[in-house]
Amino acid sequence: MFNFYSAPAKDGEDPYLYGALIMDSEGNLYGAAEGGGKYSPNGVVFKLTPNPKGKDPWKITVLHSFKGYDSEKPSKSDGAFPYSAVIMDGSGNLYGVTFVGGTEDLGTVYKLTPTAKGAWKETILHNFTGGSDGVNPSQPLTLDADGNIYGTTGSGGNGEYCQGVGCGIVFELSPTKSGPWTETIIHAFQGSLNGMGCDGSGPTGQLYLNAQGNMYGATYEGGCPDGGTVFELTSNGSGGWGYGQVFVLPSAGQAAAPLGGVIGDAEGNLYGLWGGGVYELQGSGSSFTYETLYFFSDIGGGPDGTQGGGLIFDTSGNLYATSYGGGNGYGTVFELSPAGGGTWNEETLWMFNHADGSNPVCSLLLDGKGNLYGSTPYGGGNGFNGGVIFQITPQ
């Protein structure tokens, strides 16, 4: 659908996107690429517009090229290396994170606002500073109905058992009438060491906000044993949050270590991906039971994939995701369909072959016609290795 060129590339390169592309009401796609841009290699935020009469089916427009850290003028520094997908509010503003850059070169949260002249204005909402604050955010943000932003960092914070680098945090950014946004650290993960600090380490994936205003997420490591965790953050209705551990994932090599977060259904059940397959947590509050819906045929590889990104549902209750490995060795897109009696059928919808993309870590976007969209950080046509944006159309 669209091939990024390898360096140097002003349109961006290597869309190593955690999270999903987003689509506006006119069918335009938005995302980020962690490399390339006017100030390469700092990355870009881009827009893809359908272009049926052009040589290429989609036209790319760079909305913002990140400038990165300025050691001579730190206060003027921009972000760099946007690993996560962007999100959009009801007014068409975009929000995302950069892994580094900002005043301390430890990452930023940014906002892009469209202007009447067609350009987009960037505002840095938060510069991460280390210490009790997080560092190096890489996962997508979540926006609530009141305009508050929630996100995670994979390290930083005051975690006691994380070798001095911190185990990561969950944070909230809230707008103020005077302009600046205020940060609240909702939870600082403590990690695990000899059975202590078992709440997890390295939150991964997009936070899931349910209809009751509670949030769920996953950690890549930690728990007791050290297989990663699923956690719940419960709002008290007045700005405070309570932390609860929903489940410790099984610890068996690649069978643990989730790359994506969790999603939920109308009954309150949670679904996620770990290195060995797809799981469901049935229940609510602190009472959940674990069930594996599907085991990948070979957690070290195999035709149906391994180490998936985030899940999405369609309106019929089918699940879709990408896998980083498996297939032809370059990753897959797969579907899980409920077959009754608690069983699920898996179908591999696409196996990447490097020429059409390689090793996706993204979640997928599903449009109203059943088309799936995503990104790969590597591979691409014409011999280039700058990554692709792909579309999979139902047959």
Protein backbone atom coordinates (compact mmCIF):
# COMPACT_ATOMS: atom_id res chain seq x y z
CA MET A 1 0.00 0.00 0.00
CA PHE A 2 2.84 2.38 0.86
CA ASN A 3 6.58 1.73 0.96
CA PHE A 4 8.89 3.88 3.07
CA TYR A 5 12.34 4.40 1.64
CA SER A 6 15.51 3.63 3.54
CA ALA A 7 17.70 6.51 4.76
CA PRO A 8 17.82 9.32 4.01
CA ALA A 9 14.03 9.69 3.71
CA LYS A 10 12.24 12.99 4.33
CA ASP A 11 8.88 11.18 4.39
CA GLY A 12 10.05 9.04 7.31
CA GLU A 13 11.25 5.47 7.60
CA ASP A 14 10.91 2.42 9.85
CA PRO A 15 7.35 2.83 11.22
CA TYR A 16 8.14 0.75 14.32
CA LEU A 17 4.67 1.42 15.60
CA TYR A 18 3.32 0.06 18.85
CA GLY A 19 -0.42 0.51 18.63
CA ALA A 20 -2.60 1.00 15.59
CA LEU A 21 -2.92 3.46 12.74
CA ILE A 22 -5.99 5.68 13.05
CA MET A 23 -8.47 6.70 10.36
CA ASP A 24 -10.53 9.90 10.18
CA SER A 25 -14.08 10.24 8.80
CA GLU A 26 -12.71 10.91 5.30
CA GLY A 27 -10.67 7.71 5.17
CA ASN A 28 -7.26 9.30 5.78
CA LEU A 29 -4.73 7.37 7.86
CA TYR A 30 -2.40 8.80 10.51
CA GLY A 31 0.71 7.35 12.09
CA ALA A 32 4.34 7.92 12.99
CA ALA A 33 7.71 6.67 11.76
CA GLU A 34 10.61 6.48 14.18
CA GLY A 35 13.24 7.44 11.61
CA GLY A 36 13.77 9.78 8.69
CA GLY A 37 12.18 13.18 8.33
CA LYS A 38 13.58 16.64 7.63
CA TYR A 39 15.81 16.31 10.68
CA SER A 40 16.63 12.63 10.12
CA PRO A 41 16.93 10.32 11.97
CA ASN A 42 14.50 11.83 14.48
CA GLY A 43 11.27 10.65 12.84
CA VAL A 44 7.93 12.07 11.67
CA VAL A 45 4.17 12.06 12.11
CA PHE A 46 2.46 11.45 8.77
CA LYS A 47 -0.91 11.41 7.05
CA LEU A 48 -1.81 9.04 4.20
CA THR A 49 -4.55 10.19 1.83
CA PRO A 50 -6.29 7.89 -0.70
CA ASN A 51 -5.03 8.79 -4.16
CA PRO A 52 -6.97 6.64 -6.69
CA LYS A 53 -5.83 8.65 -9.72
CA GLY A 54 -2.18 8.85 -8.76
CA LYS A 55 0.75 6.58 -9.52
CA ASP A 56 0.70 5.44 -5.90
CA PRO A 57 -2.65 4.50 -4.29
CA TRP A 58 -1.88 6.64 -1.23
CA LYS A 59 -0.24 10.05 -0.91
CA ILE A 60 1.91 10.79 2.15
CA THR A 61 2.06 14.17 3.88
CA VAL A 62 4.48 14.80 6.72
CA LEU A 63 2.62 16.67 9.47
CA HIS A 64 5.65 17.12 11.71
CA SER A 65 9.36 16.32 11.55
CA PHE A 66 10.92 15.95 14.99
CA LYS A 67 14.07 18.00 15.65
CA GLY A 68 15.33 16.08 18.68
CA TYR A 69 17.37 17.18 21.67
CA ASP A 70 19.28 20.48 21.47
CA SER A 71 22.21 20.33 23.92
CA GLU A 72 22.87 24.07 23.50
CA LYS A 73 19.24 25.06 24.08
CA PRO A 74 17.60 22.20 26.05
CA SER A 75 14.48 24.26 26.74
CA LYS A 76 13.89 24.50 22.97
CA SER A 77 14.32 20.75 22.39
CA ASP A 78 11.80 18.72 20.45
CA GLY A 79 11.14 14.99 20.80
CA ALA A 80 12.75 12.22 18.74
CA PHE A 81 12.00 8.59 17.79
CA PRO A 82 8.18 8.31 17.98
CA TYR A 83 7.74 4.56 18.48
CA SER A 84 4.03 4.68 19.30
CA ALA A 85 1.01 5.27 17.13
CA VAL A 86 -0.90 8.53 17.52
CA ILE A 87 -4.41 9.02 18.90
CA MET A 88 -6.97 11.67 17.85
CA ASP A 89 -9.49 13.67 19.90
CA GLY A 90 -12.90 14.89 18.78
CA SER A 91 -11.43 18.15 17.45
CA GLY A 92 -8.92 16.40 15.17
CA ASN A 93 -5.85 17.00 17.35
CA LEU A 94 -3.22 14.26 17.45
CA TYR A 95 -1.31 13.05 20.52
CA GLY A 96 1.70 10.78 20.88
CA VAL A 97 5.01 10.14 22.63
CA THR A 98 8.66 10.20 21.66
CA PHE A 99 11.18 7.81 23.15
CA VAL A 100 13.88 10.46 23.65
CA GLY A 101 14.25 14.20 23.15
CA GLY A 102 12.74 16.95 25.24
CA THR A 103 14.48 19.10 27.84
CA GLU A 104 16.24 16.12 29.49
CA ASP A 105 16.48 13.91 26.38
CA LEU A 106 14.33 11.33 28.18
CA GLY A 107 11.21 11.54 26.04
CA THR A 108 8.11 13.67 25.57
CA VAL A 109 4.33 13.71 25.20
CA TYR A 110 3.31 15.92 22.27
CA LYS A 111 0.16 17.34 20.69
CA LEU A 112 -0.29 18.29 17.02
CA THR A 113 -3.04 20.78 16.16
CA PRO A 114 -4.23 21.49 12.59
CA THR A 115 -4.24 25.15 11.57
CA ALA A 116 -6.34 27.11 9.06
CA LYS A 117 -3.36 27.34 6.68
CA GLY A 118 -2.95 23.57 6.54
CA ALA A 119 0.17 23.31 8.70
CA TRP A 120 0.16 21.51 12.05
CA LYS A 121 1.35 23.15 15.26
CA GLU A 122 3.26 21.07 17.81
CA THR A 123 2.93 21.57 21.57
CA ILE A 124 5.05 19.61 24.04
CA LEU A 125 2.69 18.64 26.86
CA HIS A 126 5.28 16.96 29.06
CA ASN A 127 9.04 16.44 29.21
CA PHE A 128 10.09 13.35 31.17
CA THR A 129 12.77 14.12 33.70
CA GLY A 130 13.83 10.85 35.34
CA GLY A 131 13.89 10.30 39.07
CA SER A 132 10.38 9.49 40.24
CA ASP A 133 9.11 10.51 36.80
CA GLY A 134 9.21 7.99 33.98
CA VAL A 135 11.64 7.86 31.09
CA ASN A 136 11.57 6.70 27.46
CA PRO A 137 7.84 6.26 26.69
CA SER A 138 7.15 4.02 23.70
CA GLN A 139 3.52 2.84 24.01
CA PRO A 140 0.32 4.51 22.73
CA LEU A 141 -1.66 6.97 24.82
CA THR A 142 -5.27 6.67 25.98
CA LEU A 143 -7.72 9.61 26.08
CA ASP A 144 -10.80 9.82 28.32
CA ALA A 145 -14.04 11.75 27.77
CA ASP A 146 -12.81 14.68 29.87
CA GLY A 147 -9.68 15.22 27.78
CA ASN A 148 -7.23 13.62 30.21
CA ILE A 149 -4.39 11.57 28.74
CA TYR A 150 -3.06 8.32 30.19
CA GLY A 151 0.12 6.47 29.29
CA THR A 152 3.07 4.46 30.50
CA THR A 153 6.84 4.44 30.44
CA GLY A 154 8.77 1.19 30.32
CA SER A 155 11.39 2.39 32.79
CA GLY A 156 11.94 5.20 35.26
CA GLY A 157 9.98 5.80 38.42
CA ASN A 158 11.04 4.72 41.89
CA GLY A 159 10.84 0.94 41.50
CA GLU A 160 13.07 -0.55 44.16
CA TYR A 161 13.96 -3.81 42.42
CA CYS A 162 14.88 -2.66 38.91
CA GLN A 163 18.66 -2.24 39.12
CA GLY A 164 18.50 1.50 39.61
CA VAL A 165 16.69 2.29 36.33
CA GLY A 166 13.11 2.07 37.57
CA CYS A 167 10.42 -0.38 36.50
CA GLY A 168 8.19 2.14 34.74
CA ILE A 169 5.11 4.14 35.61
CA VAL A 170 1.50 4.80 34.66
CA PHE A 171 0.87 8.53 34.33
CA GLU A 172 -2.00 10.94 33.76
CA LEU A 173 -1.75 14.32 32.04
CA SER A 174 -4.57 16.80 32.65
CA PRO A 175 -5.17 20.13 30.88
CA THR A 176 -5.38 23.31 32.97
CA LYS A 177 -7.13 26.62 32.32
CA SER A 178 -3.76 28.43 32.30
CA GLY A 179 -2.38 26.26 29.48
CA PRO A 180 0.26 23.86 30.88
CA TRP A 181 -0.69 20.25 31.49
CA THR A 182 -0.13 18.67 34.89
CA GLU A 183 1.29 15.19 35.39
CA THR A 184 0.09 12.77 38.05
CA ILE A 185 1.94 9.50 38.59
CA ILE A 186 -0.82 6.94 39.08
CA HIS A 187 1.44 3.98 39.79
CA ALA A 188 5.17 3.26 39.90
CA PHE A 189 5.98 -0.40 39.32
CA GLN A 190 8.26 -2.14 41.78
CA GLY A 191 9.32 -5.17 39.74
CA SER A 192 10.34 -8.44 41.34
CA LEU A 193 13.36 -9.73 43.20
CA ASN A 194 13.30 -12.96 45.22
CA GLY A 195 9.54 -12.80 45.46
CA MET A 196 9.36 -9.15 46.48
CA GLY A 197 7.81 -6.28 44.52
CA CYS A 198 5.57 -8.58 42.50
CA ASP A 199 3.46 -5.95 40.74
CA GLY A 200 5.37 -6.17 37.44
CA SER A 201 7.95 -4.28 35.43
CA GLY A 202 7.93 -2.60 32.03
CA PRO A 203 4.28 -1.80 31.21
CA THR A 204 3.56 -2.62 27.58
CA GLY A 205 0.73 -1.89 25.17
CA GLN A 206 -2.04 0.69 25.23
CA LEU A 207 -4.02 1.09 28.45
CA TYR A 208 -7.61 -0.14 28.13
CA LEU A 209 -10.23 2.19 29.68
CA ASN A 210 -13.58 0.48 30.27
CA ALA A 211 -17.07 1.98 30.50
CA GLN A 212 -16.82 2.22 34.30
CA GLY A 213 -13.68 4.37 34.05
CA ASN A 214 -11.26 1.69 35.24
CA MET A 215 -8.04 0.96 33.35
CA TYR A 216 -6.28 -2.30 32.57
CA GLY A 217 -2.84 -3.00 31.22
CA ALA A 218 0.00 -5.52 31.10
CA THR A 219 3.68 -5.59 32.03
CA TYR A 220 6.36 -7.28 29.97
CA GLU A 221 8.17 -8.64 33.01
CA GLY A 222 7.75 -8.95 36.76
CA GLY A 223 5.21 -10.73 38.86
CA CYS A 224 5.98 -13.75 40.95
CA PRO A 225 7.01 -15.82 39.01
CA ASP A 226 8.56 -13.45 36.51
CA GLY A 227 6.25 -13.89 33.52
CA GLY A 228 4.62 -10.48 33.32
CA THR A 229 1.34 -9.30 34.82
CA VAL A 230 -2.10 -7.97 33.99
CA PHE A 231 -3.15 -5.11 36.27
CA GLU A 232 -6.21 -2.99 37.07
CA LEU A 233 -6.30 0.68 38.08
CA THR A 234 -9.55 1.68 39.75
CA SER A 235 -10.67 5.31 39.91
CA ASN A 236 -12.11 6.58 43.20
CA GLY A 237 -14.00 9.32 41.33
CA SER A 238 -12.01 12.20 42.82
CA GLY A 239 -8.66 11.91 41.07
CA GLY A 240 -7.17 9.00 42.99
CA TRP A 241 -6.44 5.53 41.68
CA GLY A 242 -6.12 2.16 43.36
CA TYR A 243 -3.79 -0.53 41.98
CA GLY A 244 -4.78 -4.19 41.79
CA GLN A 245 -3.10 -7.19 40.19
CA VAL A 246 -5.48 -9.19 38.04
CA PHE A 247 -3.20 -12.04 37.01
CA VAL A 248 0.43 -13.15 36.81
CA LEU A 249 1.10 -14.64 33.38
CA PRO A 250 2.71 -18.08 33.14
CA SER A 251 6.51 -17.98 33.18
CA ALA A 252 7.89 -20.33 30.52
CA GLY A 253 10.43 -18.59 28.31
CA GLN A 254 8.71 -16.97 25.36
CA ALA A 255 5.37 -18.19 26.67
CA ALA A 256 5.35 -15.10 28.87
CA ALA A 257 6.52 -11.56 28.05
CA PRO A 258 3.45 -9.93 26.44
CA LEU A 259 4.17 -7.28 23.80
CA GLY A 260 0.65 -5.85 23.72
CA GLY A 261 -1.78 -4.71 26.38
CA VAL A 262 -5.28 -6.05 26.96
CA ILE A 263 -8.73 -5.32 25.55
CA GLY A 264 -12.13 -6.06 27.05
CA ASP A 265 -15.59 -7.21 25.97
CA ALA A 266 -19.05 -6.10 27.13
CA GLU A 267 -19.07 -8.74 29.89
CA GLY A 268 -15.86 -7.40 31.44
CA ASN A 269 -13.59 -10.22 30.26
CA LEU A 270 -10.06 -9.32 29.20
CA TYR A 271 -8.04 -10.60 26.23
CA GLY A 272 -4.36 -10.33 25.44
CA LEU A 273 -1.33 -11.82 23.70
CA TRP A 274 1.79 -13.34 25.16
CA GLY A 275 4.74 -15.05 23.49
CA GLY A 276 2.98 -18.40 23.18
CA GLY A 277 -0.54 -17.49 22.18
CA VAL A 278 -3.78 -15.65 22.99
CA TYR A 279 -5.39 -15.67 26.43
CA GLU A 280 -8.68 -14.67 28.04
CA LEU A 281 -9.25 -13.57 31.64
CA GLN A 282 -12.88 -14.14 32.66
CA GLY A 283 -14.34 -12.30 35.61
CA SER A 284 -14.17 -8.86 37.16
CA GLY A 285 -12.41 -6.91 39.90
CA SER A 286 -9.75 -9.07 41.51
CA SER A 287 -11.48 -12.36 40.60
CA PHE A 288 -10.39 -13.55 37.19
CA THR A 289 -9.77 -17.01 35.79
CA TYR A 290 -7.21 -17.63 33.05
CA GLU A 291 -7.77 -19.56 29.83
CA THR A 292 -5.54 -19.94 26.78
CA LEU A 293 -7.69 -19.48 23.67
CA TYR A 294 -4.97 -20.47 21.23
CA PHE A 295 -1.40 -21.72 21.41
CA PHE A 296 0.92 -20.76 18.57
CA SER A 297 2.13 -23.97 16.90
CA ASP A 298 5.74 -23.17 17.74
CA ILE A 299 6.52 -20.40 20.20
CA GLY A 300 9.97 -20.10 18.59
CA GLY A 301 8.45 -19.64 15.13
CA GLY A 302 6.01 -21.57 12.95
CA PRO A 303 3.39 -20.91 10.29
CA ASP A 304 0.93 -19.10 12.55
CA GLY A 305 3.39 -16.71 14.19
CA THR A 306 4.85 -15.88 17.57
CA GLN A 307 5.09 -12.82 19.86
CA GLY A 308 2.05 -10.85 18.78
CA GLY A 309 1.11 -7.20 19.04
CA GLY A 310 -2.21 -5.94 20.41
CA LEU A 311 -5.59 -7.56 19.74
CA ILE A 312 -8.72 -6.00 18.21
CA PHE A 313 -12.32 -7.23 17.98
CA ASP A 314 -14.74 -7.01 15.07
CA THR A 315 -18.51 -6.68 15.56
CA SER A 316 -18.94 -10.49 15.32
CA GLY A 317 -16.55 -11.19 18.18
CA ASN A 318 -13.60 -12.31 16.06
CA LEU A 319 -10.10 -11.32 17.16
CA TYR A 320 -7.30 -10.04 14.91
CA ALA A 321 -3.62 -9.40 15.54
CA THR A 322 -0.16 -9.36 14.00
CA SER A 323 2.78 -11.53 14.98
CA TYR A 324 6.41 -10.43 14.87
CA GLY A 325 7.73 -13.84 13.80
CA GLY A 326 6.47 -17.03 12.24
CA GLY A 327 4.97 -17.56 8.81
CA ASN A 328 7.77 -17.18 6.28
CA GLY A 329 9.96 -15.92 9.08
CA TYR A 330 8.82 -12.31 8.67
CA GLY A 331 5.58 -12.32 10.67
CA THR A 332 1.88 -12.79 10.02
CA VAL A 333 -1.62 -11.35 10.35
CA PHE A 334 -4.09 -13.80 11.89
CA GLU A 335 -7.73 -14.12 12.93
CA LEU A 336 -9.27 -16.06 15.82
CA SER A 337 -12.96 -16.96 15.55
CA PRO A 338 -15.11 -18.45 18.34
CA ALA A 339 -16.23 -21.95 17.33
CA GLY A 340 -18.51 -22.75 20.26
CA GLY A 341 -17.90 -24.77 23.35
CA GLY A 342 -15.07 -22.50 24.40
CA THR A 343 -12.91 -23.34 21.37
CA TRP A 344 -11.47 -20.92 18.84
CA ASN A 345 -10.32 -21.42 15.25
CA GLU A 346 -7.19 -19.69 13.98
CA GLU A 347 -6.70 -18.57 10.37
CA THR A 348 -3.51 -17.00 9.08
CA LEU A 349 -4.68 -14.18 6.82
CA TRP A 350 -1.25 -13.13 5.58
CA MET A 351 2.39 -14.21 5.79
CA PHE A 352 4.89 -11.43 5.11
CA ASN A 353 7.81 -12.18 2.81
CA HIS A 354 10.00 -9.08 3.43
CA ALA A 355 9.28 -7.58 -0.01
CA ASP A 356 5.81 -6.67 1.30
CA GLY A 357 6.94 -5.88 4.84
CA SER A 358 8.63 -7.61 7.75
CA ASN A 359 8.19 -8.18 11.51
CA PRO A 360 5.12 -6.12 12.53
CA VAL A 361 4.74 -5.11 16.17
CA CYS A 362 1.61 -3.02 15.58
CA SER A 363 -2.02 -3.51 16.46
CA LEU A 364 -4.40 -3.52 13.51
CA LEU A 365 -7.01 -1.01 12.35
CA LEU A 366 -10.31 -2.42 11.03
CA ASP A 367 -12.50 -0.21 8.83
CA GLY A 368 -16.23 -0.47 8.15
CA LYS A 369 -15.67 -2.61 5.04
CA GLY A 370 -13.63 -5.23 6.84
CA ASN A 371 -10.25 -4.03 5.57
CA LEU A 372 -7.29 -4.34 7.95
CA TYR A 373 -4.47 -1.79 8.08
CA GLY A 374 -1.12 -1.94 9.83
CA SER A 375 2.58 -1.22 9.59
CA THR A 376 5.88 -3.08 9.54
CA PRO A 377 9.18 -1.49 10.61
CA TYR A 378 11.24 -3.37 8.03
CA GLY A 379 10.97 -4.69 4.50
CA GLY A 380 9.21 -3.16 1.55
CA GLY A 381 9.14 -3.15 -2.23
CA ASN A 382 11.72 -2.03 -4.76
CA GLY A 383 14.56 -3.45 -2.71
CA PHE A 384 14.14 -0.93 0.10
CA ASN A 385 14.04 -1.77 3.80
CA GLY A 386 12.30 1.27 5.25
CA GLY A 387 9.07 -0.47 6.27
CA VAL A 388 5.54 -0.40 4.88
CA ILE A 389 1.94 0.53 5.59
CA PHE A 390 -0.20 -2.43 4.49
CA GLN A 391 -3.85 -3.13 3.77
CA ILE A 392 -5.44 -6.59 3.82
CA THR A 393 -8.79 -6.85 1.99
CA PRO A 394 -11.28 -9.64 2.69
CA GLN A 395 -11.78 -12.03 -0.22
